[in-house]
Amino acid sequence: MKGTTIKPLFTNVLIKPLEAEQKTASGIVLPDSAKEKPQMGMVMAVGPGTDKEKMIVKPKQKVVYKKWAGNEIKTDAREEWLLIEQKEIMAVVEA
């Protein structure tokens, strides 16, 4: 599905997870099996919302979401993104 565009429906949000830290504070490199599942990501696309629920998050915002939120989706570039409901987002990170 090359060149595919994913457009979330209703109150769904497409998120590109940000990589977790690869090393501990003392400099030990973590193997993949020991890494925490990311809980922070960049909003790539948002659905239109519904009559009862308006969209609060916007594309290009950094957000914190629930640890086991959403469904993983593989992109054309073989990256794993998440499609989650807006209510699973806990915070917007402001710089």
PDB file of N, CA and C in Angstrom:
ATOM      1  N   MET A   1       0.826  -1.188   0.000  1.00  0.00           N
ATOM      2  CA  MET A   1       0.000   0.000   0.000  1.00  0.00           C
ATOM      3  C   MET A   1       0.867   1.247   0.000  1.00  0.00           C
ATOM      4  N   LYS A   2       1.709   1.358  -0.983  1.00  0.00           N
ATOM      5  CA  LYS A   2       2.593   2.516  -1.063  1.00  0.00           C
ATOM      6  C   LYS A   2       1.804   3.784  -1.319  1.00  0.00           C
ATOM      7  N   GLY A   3       2.219   4.847  -0.650  1.00  0.00           N
ATOM      8  CA  GLY A   3       1.563   6.130  -0.834  1.00  0.00           C
ATOM      9  C   GLY A   3       0.214   6.222  -0.135  1.00  0.00           C
ATOM     10  N   THR A   4      -0.037   5.330   0.798  1.00  0.00           N
ATOM     11  CA  THR A   4      -1.305   5.311   1.521  1.00  0.00           C
ATOM     12  C   THR A   4      -1.353   6.430   2.554  1.00  0.00           C
ATOM     13  N   THR A   5      -2.503   7.064   2.678  1.00  0.00           N
ATOM     14  CA  THR A   5      -2.725   8.076   3.702  1.00  0.00           C
ATOM     15  C   THR A   5      -3.718   7.524   4.711  1.00  0.00           C
ATOM     16  N   ILE A   6      -3.396   7.666   5.984  1.00  0.00           N
ATOM     17  CA  ILE A   6      -4.300   7.210   7.037  1.00  0.00           C
ATOM     18  C   ILE A   6      -5.024   8.424   7.603  1.00  0.00           C
ATOM     19  N   LYS A   7      -6.349   8.426   7.492  1.00  0.00           N
ATOM     20  CA  LYS A   7      -7.172   9.517   8.019  1.00  0.00           C
ATOM     21  C   LYS A   7      -8.060   8.951   9.123  1.00  0.00           C
ATOM     22  N   PRO A   8      -7.778   9.296  10.378  1.00  0.00           N
ATOM     23  CA  PRO A   8      -8.597   8.786  11.480  1.00  0.00           C
ATOM     24  C   PRO A   8     -10.051   9.245  11.364  1.00  0.00           C
ATOM     25  N   LEU A   9     -10.955   8.401  11.843  1.00  0.00           N
ATOM     26  CA  LEU A   9     -12.377   8.725  11.870  1.00  0.00           C
ATOM     27  C   LEU A   9     -12.812   9.068  13.289  1.00  0.00           C
ATOM     28  N   PHE A  10     -13.915   9.772  13.404  1.00  0.00           N
ATOM     29  CA  PHE A  10     -14.537  10.121  14.682  1.00  0.00           C
ATOM     30  C   PHE A  10     -13.530  10.799  15.619  1.00  0.00           C
ATOM     31  N   THR A  11     -13.291  10.251  16.802  1.00  0.00           N
ATOM     32  CA  THR A  11     -12.378  10.887  17.765  1.00  0.00           C
ATOM     33  C   THR A  11     -11.050  10.139  17.859  1.00  0.00           C
ATOM     34  N   ASN A  12     -10.687   9.446  16.794  1.00  0.00           N
ATOM     35  CA  ASN A  12      -9.417   8.723  16.786  1.00  0.00           C
ATOM     36  C   ASN A  12      -8.271   9.651  16.423  1.00  0.00           C
ATOM     37  N   VAL A  13      -7.083   9.311  16.928  1.00  0.00           N
ATOM     38  CA  VAL A  13      -5.878  10.113  16.737  1.00  0.00           C
ATOM     39  C   VAL A  13      -4.761   9.184  16.281  1.00  0.00           C
ATOM     40  N   LEU A  14      -4.031   9.576  15.242  1.00  0.00           N
ATOM     41  CA  LEU A  14      -2.885   8.809  14.754  1.00  0.00           C
ATOM     42  C   LEU A  14      -1.626   9.388  15.388  1.00  0.00           C
ATOM     43  N   ILE A  15      -0.865   8.545  16.088  1.00  0.00           N
ATOM     44  CA  ILE A  15       0.308   8.992  16.837  1.00  0.00           C
ATOM     45  C   ILE A  15       1.546   8.229  16.406  1.00  0.00           C
ATOM     46  N   LYS A  16       2.633   8.971  16.226  1.00  0.00           N
ATOM     47  CA  LYS A  16       3.941   8.363  15.988  1.00  0.00           C
ATOM     48  C   LYS A  16       4.653   8.324  17.342  1.00  0.00           C
ATOM     49  N   PRO A  17       4.820   7.125  17.937  1.00  0.00           N
ATOM     50  CA  PRO A  17       5.474   7.043  19.244  1.00  0.00           C
ATOM     51  C   PRO A  17       6.909   7.567  19.182  1.00  0.00           C
ATOM     52  N   LEU A  18       7.312   8.261  20.232  1.00  0.00           N
ATOM     53  CA  LEU A  18       8.688   8.731  20.340  1.00  0.00           C
ATOM     54  C   LEU A  18       9.487   7.651  21.040  1.00  0.00           C
ATOM     55  N   GLU A  19      10.681   7.396  20.540  1.00  0.00           N
ATOM     56  CA  GLU A  19      11.519   6.327  21.084  1.00  0.00           C
ATOM     57  C   GLU A  19      11.867   6.577  22.535  1.00  0.00           C
ATOM     58  N   ALA A  20      11.807   5.520  23.317  1.00  0.00           N
ATOM     59  CA  ALA A  20      12.224   5.590  24.716  1.00  0.00           C
ATOM     60  C   ALA A  20      13.744   5.668  24.778  1.00  0.00           C
ATOM     61  N   GLU A  21      14.244   6.123  25.898  1.00  0.00           N
ATOM     62  CA  GLU A  21      15.692   6.247  26.110  1.00  0.00           C
ATOM     63  C   GLU A  21      16.357   4.884  25.926  1.00  0.00           C
ATOM     64  N   GLN A  22      17.464   4.846  25.177  1.00  0.00           N
ATOM     65  CA  GLN A  22      18.179   3.606  24.892  1.00  0.00           C
ATOM     66  C   GLN A  22      19.138   3.202  26.008  1.00  0.00           C
ATOM     67  N   LYS A  23      19.502   4.173  26.878  1.00  0.00           N
ATOM     68  CA  LYS A  23      20.471   3.910  27.946  1.00  0.00           C
ATOM     69  C   LYS A  23      19.903   4.329  29.291  1.00  0.00           C
ATOM     70  N   THR A  24      20.432   3.704  30.337  1.00  0.00           N
ATOM     71  CA  THR A  24      20.076   4.123  31.693  1.00  0.00           C
ATOM     72  C   THR A  24      20.898   5.355  32.044  1.00  0.00           C
ATOM     73  N   ALA A  25      20.602   5.976  33.174  1.00  0.00           N
ATOM     74  CA  ALA A  25      21.343   7.161  33.618  1.00  0.00           C
ATOM     75  C   ALA A  25      22.819   6.850  33.831  1.00  0.00           C
ATOM     76  N   SER A  26      23.133   5.604  34.179  1.00  0.00           N
ATOM     77  CA  SER A  26      24.535   5.225  34.406  1.00  0.00           C
ATOM     78  C   SER A  26      25.240   4.796  33.124  1.00  0.00           C
ATOM     79  N   GLY A  27      24.538   4.837  31.979  1.00  0.00           N
ATOM     80  CA  GLY A  27      25.173   4.553  30.700  1.00  0.00           C
ATOM     81  C   GLY A  27      25.007   3.129  30.200  1.00  0.00           C
ATOM     82  N   ILE A  28      24.225   2.311  30.878  1.00  0.00           N
ATOM     83  CA  ILE A  28      24.013   0.932  30.443  1.00  0.00           C
ATOM     84  C   ILE A  28      23.019   0.927  29.287  1.00  0.00           C
ATOM     85  N   VAL A  29      23.391   0.274  28.181  1.00  0.00           N
ATOM     86  CA  VAL A  29      22.520   0.182  27.016  1.00  0.00           C
ATOM     87  C   VAL A  29      21.480  -0.909  27.269  1.00  0.00           C
ATOM     88  N   LEU A  30      20.220  -0.561  27.053  1.00  0.00           N
ATOM     89  CA  LEU A  30      19.127  -1.499  27.307  1.00  0.00           C
ATOM     90  C   LEU A  30      18.822  -2.350  26.078  1.00  0.00           C
ATOM     91  N   PRO A  31      18.643  -3.665  26.254  1.00  0.00           N
ATOM     92  CA  PRO A  31      18.197  -4.494  25.130  1.00  0.00           C
ATOM     93  C   PRO A  31      16.724  -4.207  24.846  1.00  0.00           C
ATOM     94  N   ASP A  32      16.257  -4.536  23.642  1.00  0.00           N
ATOM     95  CA  ASP A  32      14.864  -4.271  23.271  1.00  0.00           C
ATOM     96  C   ASP A  32      13.874  -4.874  24.257  1.00  0.00           C
ATOM     97  N   SER A  33      14.181  -6.048  24.785  1.00  0.00           N
ATOM     98  CA  SER A  33      13.255  -6.719  25.699  1.00  0.00           C
ATOM     99  C   SER A  33      13.096  -5.986  27.029  1.00  0.00           C
ATOM    100  N   ALA A  34      14.057  -5.144  27.390  1.00  0.00           N
ATOM    101  CA  ALA A  34      14.012  -4.433  28.672  1.00  0.00           C
ATOM    102  C   ALA A  34      13.451  -3.021  28.549  1.00  0.00           C
ATOM    103  N   LYS A  35      13.231  -2.556  27.327  1.00  0.00           N
ATOM    104  CA  LYS A  35      12.746  -1.191  27.127  1.00  0.00           C
ATOM    105  C   LYS A  35      11.277  -1.081  27.495  1.00  0.00           C
ATOM    106  N   GLU A  36      10.936   0.059  28.062  1.00  0.00           N
ATOM    107  CA  GLU A  36       9.539   0.362  28.376  1.00  0.00           C
ATOM    108  C   GLU A  36       8.807   0.702  27.082  1.00  0.00           C
ATOM    109  N   LYS A  37       7.545   0.353  27.019  1.00  0.00           N
ATOM    110  CA  LYS A  37       6.716   0.739  25.883  1.00  0.00           C
ATOM    111  C   LYS A  37       6.564   2.259  25.932  1.00  0.00           C
ATOM    112  N   PRO A  38       6.789   2.956  24.806  1.00  0.00           N
ATOM    113  CA  PRO A  38       6.685   4.424  24.823  1.00  0.00           C
ATOM    114  C   PRO A  38       5.292   4.881  25.239  1.00  0.00           C
ATOM    115  N   GLN A  39       5.257   6.016  25.933  1.00  0.00           N
ATOM    116  CA  GLN A  39       3.984   6.609  26.334  1.00  0.00           C
ATOM    117  C   GLN A  39       3.892   8.052  25.866  1.00  0.00           C
ATOM    118  N   MET A  40       4.832   8.464  25.031  1.00  0.00           N
ATOM    119  CA  MET A  40       4.832   9.819  24.509  1.00  0.00           C
ATOM    120  C   MET A  40       4.962   9.726  22.992  1.00  0.00           C
ATOM    121  N   GLY A  41       4.259  10.602  22.293  1.00  0.00           N
ATOM    122  CA  GLY A  41       4.329  10.558  20.844  1.00  0.00           C
ATOM    123  C   GLY A  41       3.913  11.875  20.220  1.00  0.00           C
ATOM    124  N   MET A  42       4.059  11.922  18.894  1.00  0.00           N
ATOM    125  CA  MET A  42       3.714  13.094  18.103  1.00  0.00           C
ATOM    126  C   MET A  42       2.407  12.811  17.370  1.00  0.00           C
ATOM    127  N   VAL A  43       1.450  13.719  17.483  1.00  0.00           N
ATOM    128  CA  VAL A  43       0.172  13.572  16.781  1.00  0.00           C
ATOM    129  C   VAL A  43       0.417  13.826  15.295  1.00  0.00           C
ATOM    130  N   MET A  44       0.058  12.847  14.469  1.00  0.00           N
ATOM    131  CA  MET A  44       0.258  12.961  13.028  1.00  0.00           C
ATOM    132  C   MET A  44      -1.037  13.347  12.301  1.00  0.00           C
ATOM    133  N   ALA A  45      -2.179  12.882  12.811  1.00  0.00           N
ATOM    134  CA  ALA A  45      -3.477  13.199  12.203  1.00  0.00           C
ATOM    135  C   ALA A  45      -4.569  12.991  13.247  1.00  0.00           C
ATOM    136  N   VAL A  46      -5.663  13.725  13.098  1.00  0.00           N
ATOM    137  CA  VAL A  46      -6.797  13.584  14.021  1.00  0.00           C
ATOM    138  C   VAL A  46      -8.091  13.434  13.225  1.00  0.00           C
ATOM    139  N   GLY A  47      -9.037  12.733  13.827  1.00  0.00           N
ATOM    140  CA  GLY A  47     -10.353  12.602  13.216  1.00  0.00           C
ATOM    141  C   GLY A  47     -11.138  13.901  13.355  1.00  0.00           C
ATOM    142  N   PRO A  48     -12.307  13.975  12.730  1.00  0.00           N
ATOM    143  CA  PRO A  48     -13.108  15.203  12.768  1.00  0.00           C
ATOM    144  C   PRO A  48     -13.864  15.423  14.073  1.00  0.00           C
ATOM    145  N   GLY A  49     -13.874  14.422  14.961  1.00  0.00           N
ATOM    146  CA  GLY A  49     -14.665  14.528  16.181  1.00  0.00           C
ATOM    147  C   GLY A  49     -16.099  14.098  15.919  1.00  0.00           C
ATOM    148  N   THR A  50     -16.947  14.307  16.914  1.00  0.00           N
ATOM    149  CA  THR A  50     -18.372  13.978  16.776  1.00  0.00           C
ATOM    150  C   THR A  50     -19.188  15.157  17.298  1.00  0.00           C
ATOM    151  N   ASP A  51     -20.498  15.060  17.187  1.00  0.00           N
ATOM    152  CA  ASP A  51     -21.366  16.120  17.716  1.00  0.00           C
ATOM    153  C   ASP A  51     -21.198  16.265  19.222  1.00  0.00           C
ATOM    154  N   LYS A  52     -20.927  15.155  19.912  1.00  0.00           N
ATOM    155  CA  LYS A  52     -20.804  15.168  21.370  1.00  0.00           C
ATOM    156  C   LYS A  52     -19.380  15.392  21.859  1.00  0.00           C
ATOM    157  N   GLU A  53     -18.396  15.093  21.024  1.00  0.00           N
ATOM    158  CA  GLU A  53     -17.003  15.231  21.459  1.00  0.00           C
ATOM    159  C   GLU A  53     -16.173  15.954  20.401  1.00  0.00           C
ATOM    160  N   LYS A  54     -15.711  17.146  20.749  1.00  0.00           N
ATOM    161  CA  LYS A  54     -14.869  17.935  19.855  1.00  0.00           C
ATOM    162  C   LYS A  54     -13.413  17.499  20.022  1.00  0.00           C
ATOM    163  N   MET A  55     -12.622  17.708  18.995  1.00  0.00           N
ATOM    164  CA  MET A  55     -11.209  17.332  19.054  1.00  0.00           C
ATOM    165  C   MET A  55     -10.416  18.424  19.771  1.00  0.00           C
ATOM    166  N   ILE A  56      -9.645  18.012  20.760  1.00  0.00           N
ATOM    167  CA  ILE A  56      -8.820  18.926  21.546  1.00  0.00           C
ATOM    168  C   ILE A  56      -7.393  18.937  21.016  1.00  0.00           C
ATOM    169  N   VAL A  57      -6.879  17.754  20.662  1.00  0.00           N
ATOM    170  CA  VAL A  57      -5.497  17.671  20.175  1.00  0.00           C
ATOM    171  C   VAL A  57      -5.440  18.011  18.694  1.00  0.00           C
ATOM    172  N   LYS A  58      -4.251  18.456  18.273  1.00  0.00           N
ATOM    173  CA  LYS A  58      -4.033  18.864  16.889  1.00  0.00           C
ATOM    174  C   LYS A  58      -2.753  18.217  16.362  1.00  0.00           C
ATOM    175  N   PRO A  59      -2.634  18.063  15.035  1.00  0.00           N
ATOM    176  CA  PRO A  59      -1.395  17.516  14.482  1.00  0.00           C
ATOM    177  C   PRO A  59      -0.177  18.334  14.924  1.00  0.00           C
ATOM    178  N   LYS A  60       0.932  17.639  15.076  1.00  0.00           N
ATOM    179  CA  LYS A  60       2.241  18.190  15.464  1.00  0.00           C
ATOM    180  C   LYS A  60       2.348  18.508  16.951  1.00  0.00           C
ATOM    181  N   GLN A  61       1.363  18.118  17.749  1.00  0.00           N
ATOM    182  CA  GLN A  61       1.479  18.276  19.201  1.00  0.00           C
ATOM    183  C   GLN A  61       2.118  17.016  19.779  1.00  0.00           C
ATOM    184  N   LYS A  62       2.950  17.217  20.812  1.00  0.00           N
ATOM    185  CA  LYS A  62       3.533  16.088  21.531  1.00  0.00           C
ATOM    186  C   LYS A  62       2.578  15.762  22.670  1.00  0.00           C
ATOM    187  N   VAL A  63       2.230  14.472  22.805  1.00  0.00           N
ATOM    188  CA  VAL A  63       1.257  14.061  23.813  1.00  0.00           C
ATOM    189  C   VAL A  63       1.759  12.881  24.642  1.00  0.00           C
ATOM    190  N   VAL A  64       1.161  12.734  25.814  1.00  0.00           N
ATOM    191  CA  VAL A  64       1.389  11.579  26.680  1.00  0.00           C
ATOM    192  C   VAL A  64       0.091  10.782  26.668  1.00  0.00           C
ATOM    193  N   TYR A  65       0.207   9.475  26.428  1.00  0.00           N
ATOM    194  CA  TYR A  65      -0.981   8.637  26.348  1.00  0.00           C
ATOM    195  C   TYR A  65      -0.845   7.419  27.257  1.00  0.00           C
ATOM    196  N   LYS A  66      -1.955   6.732  27.485  1.00  0.00           N
ATOM    197  CA  LYS A  66      -1.966   5.558  28.357  1.00  0.00           C
ATOM    198  C   LYS A  66      -1.068   4.464  27.784  1.00  0.00           C
ATOM    199  N   LYS A  67      -0.421   3.733  28.661  1.00  0.00           N
ATOM    200  CA  LYS A  67       0.598   2.757  28.279  1.00  0.00           C
ATOM    201  C   LYS A  67       0.134   1.728  27.250  1.00  0.00           C
ATOM    202  N   TRP A  68      -1.035   1.183  27.385  1.00  0.00           N
ATOM    203  CA  TRP A  68      -1.497   0.131  26.471  1.00  0.00           C
ATOM    204  C   TRP A  68      -2.587   0.644  25.540  1.00  0.00           C
ATOM    205  N   ALA A  69      -2.565   1.927  25.241  1.00  0.00           N
ATOM    206  CA  ALA A  69      -3.603   2.544  24.417  1.00  0.00           C
ATOM    207  C   ALA A  69      -3.492   2.136  22.952  1.00  0.00           C
ATOM    208  N   GLY A  70      -4.631   2.035  22.305  1.00  0.00           N
ATOM    209  CA  GLY A  70      -4.719   1.957  20.861  1.00  0.00           C
ATOM    210  C   GLY A  70      -4.289   0.680  20.177  1.00  0.00           C
ATOM    211  N   ASN A  71      -4.262   0.787  18.858  1.00  0.00           N
ATOM    212  CA  ASN A  71      -3.876  -0.309  17.976  1.00  0.00           C
ATOM    213  C   ASN A  71      -2.662   0.101  17.162  1.00  0.00           C
ATOM    214  N   GLU A  72      -1.691  -0.808  17.042  1.00  0.00           N
ATOM    215  CA  GLU A  72      -0.500  -0.514  16.248  1.00  0.00           C
ATOM    216  C   GLU A  72      -0.817  -0.661  14.767  1.00  0.00           C
ATOM    217  N   ILE A  73      -0.269   0.268  13.985  1.00  0.00           N
ATOM    218  CA  ILE A  73      -0.438   0.263  12.537  1.00  0.00           C
ATOM    219  C   ILE A  73       0.940   0.417  11.919  1.00  0.00           C
ATOM    220  N   LYS A  74       1.262  -0.418  10.935  1.00  0.00           N
ATOM    221  CA  LYS A  74       2.545  -0.289  10.238  1.00  0.00           C
ATOM    222  C   LYS A  74       2.363   0.653   9.053  1.00  0.00           C
ATOM    223  N   THR A  75       3.292   1.603   8.924  1.00  0.00           N
ATOM    224  CA  THR A  75       3.238   2.558   7.815  1.00  0.00           C
ATOM    225  C   THR A  75       3.989   1.994   6.615  1.00  0.00           C
ATOM    226  N   ASP A  76       3.926   2.717   5.491  1.00  0.00           N
ATOM    227  CA  ASP A  76       4.668   2.310   4.291  1.00  0.00           C
ATOM    228  C   ASP A  76       6.160   2.222   4.567  1.00  0.00           C
ATOM    229  N   ALA A  77       6.646   3.081   5.475  1.00  0.00           N
ATOM    230  CA  ALA A  77       8.075   3.110   5.815  1.00  0.00           C
ATOM    231  C   ALA A  77       8.413   2.074   6.891  1.00  0.00           C
ATOM    232  N   ARG A  78       7.470   1.179   7.168  1.00  0.00           N
ATOM    233  CA  ARG A  78       7.642   0.101   8.158  1.00  0.00           C
ATOM    234  C   ARG A  78       7.819   0.612   9.587  1.00  0.00           C
ATOM    235  N   GLU A  79       7.287   1.781   9.849  1.00  0.00           N
ATOM    236  CA  GLU A  79       7.279   2.307  11.213  1.00  0.00           C
ATOM    237  C   GLU A  79       5.988   1.848  11.874  1.00  0.00           C
ATOM    238  N   GLU A  80       6.021   1.712  13.197  1.00  0.00           N
ATOM    239  CA  GLU A  80       4.812   1.347  13.928  1.00  0.00           C
ATOM    240  C   GLU A  80       4.229   2.590  14.583  1.00  0.00           C
ATOM    241  N   TRP A  81       3.039   2.972  14.152  1.00  0.00           N
ATOM    242  CA  TRP A  81       2.328   4.098  14.715  1.00  0.00           C
ATOM    243  C   TRP A  81       1.132   3.563  15.488  1.00  0.00           C
ATOM    244  N   LEU A  82       0.471   4.426  16.231  1.00  0.00           N
ATOM    245  CA  LEU A  82      -0.693   4.026  17.023  1.00  0.00           C
ATOM    246  C   LEU A  82      -1.931   4.784  16.573  1.00  0.00           C
ATOM    247  N   LEU A  83      -3.043   4.090  16.538  1.00  0.00           N
ATOM    248  CA  LEU A  83      -4.334   4.719  16.305  1.00  0.00           C
ATOM    249  C   LEU A  83      -5.099   4.569  17.613  1.00  0.00           C
ATOM    250  N   ILE A  84      -5.290   5.695  18.315  1.00  0.00           N
ATOM    251  CA  ILE A  84      -5.924   5.647  19.634  1.00  0.00           C
ATOM    252  C   ILE A  84      -7.097   6.618  19.700  1.00  0.00           C
ATOM    253  N   GLU A  85      -7.958   6.405  20.681  1.00  0.00           N
ATOM    254  CA  GLU A  85      -9.063   7.332  20.904  1.00  0.00           C
ATOM    255  C   GLU A  85      -8.541   8.539  21.677  1.00  0.00           C
ATOM    256  N   GLN A  86      -9.084   9.711  21.383  1.00  0.00           N
ATOM    257  CA  GLN A  86      -8.642  10.939  22.043  1.00  0.00           C
ATOM    258  C   GLN A  86      -8.699  10.821  23.568  1.00  0.00           C
ATOM    259  N   LYS A  87      -9.691  10.111  24.104  1.00  0.00           N
ATOM    260  CA  LYS A  87      -9.836   9.996  25.558  1.00  0.00           C
ATOM    261  C   LYS A  87      -8.694   9.217  26.208  1.00  0.00           C
ATOM    262  N   GLU A  88      -7.862   8.514  25.410  1.00  0.00           N
ATOM    263  CA  GLU A  88      -6.711   7.793  25.950  1.00  0.00           C
ATOM    264  C   GLU A  88      -5.471   8.686  26.056  1.00  0.00           C
ATOM    265  N   ILE A  89      -5.584   9.926  25.573  1.00  0.00           N
ATOM    266  CA  ILE A  89      -4.490  10.895  25.697  1.00  0.00           C
ATOM    267  C   ILE A  89      -4.651  11.599  27.035  1.00  0.00           C
ATOM    268  N   MET A  90      -3.574  11.602  27.828  1.00  0.00           N
ATOM    269  CA  MET A  90      -3.654  12.161  29.178  1.00  0.00           C
ATOM    270  C   MET A  90      -3.153  13.591  29.262  1.00  0.00           C
ATOM    271  N   ALA A  91      -2.245  14.005  28.349  1.00  0.00           N
ATOM    272  CA  ALA A  91      -1.682  15.353  28.445  1.00  0.00           C
ATOM    273  C   ALA A  91      -1.058  15.769  27.119  1.00  0.00           C
ATOM    274  N   VAL A  92      -0.997  17.079  26.912  1.00  0.00           N
ATOM    275  CA  VAL A  92      -0.259  17.675  25.800  1.00  0.00           C
ATOM    276  C   VAL A  92       1.019  18.245  26.398  1.00  0.00           C
ATOM    277  N   VAL A  93       2.163  17.948  25.774  1.00  0.00           N
ATOM    278  CA  VAL A  93       3.454  18.426  26.268  1.00  0.00           C
ATOM    279  C   VAL A  93       3.780  19.736  25.567  1.00  0.00           C
ATOM    280  N   GLU A  94       3.984  20.790  26.348  1.00  0.00           N
ATOM    281  CA  GLU A  94       4.332  22.096  25.785  1.00  0.00           C
ATOM    282  C   GLU A  94       5.793  22.382  26.062  1.00  0.00           C
ATOM    283  N   ALA A  95       6.482  22.902  25.060  1.00  0.00           N
ATOM    284  CA  ALA A  95       7.920  23.183  25.209  1.00  0.00           C
ATOM    285  C   ALA A  95       8.166  24.456  25.978  1.00  0.00           C
TER     286      ALA A  95
END
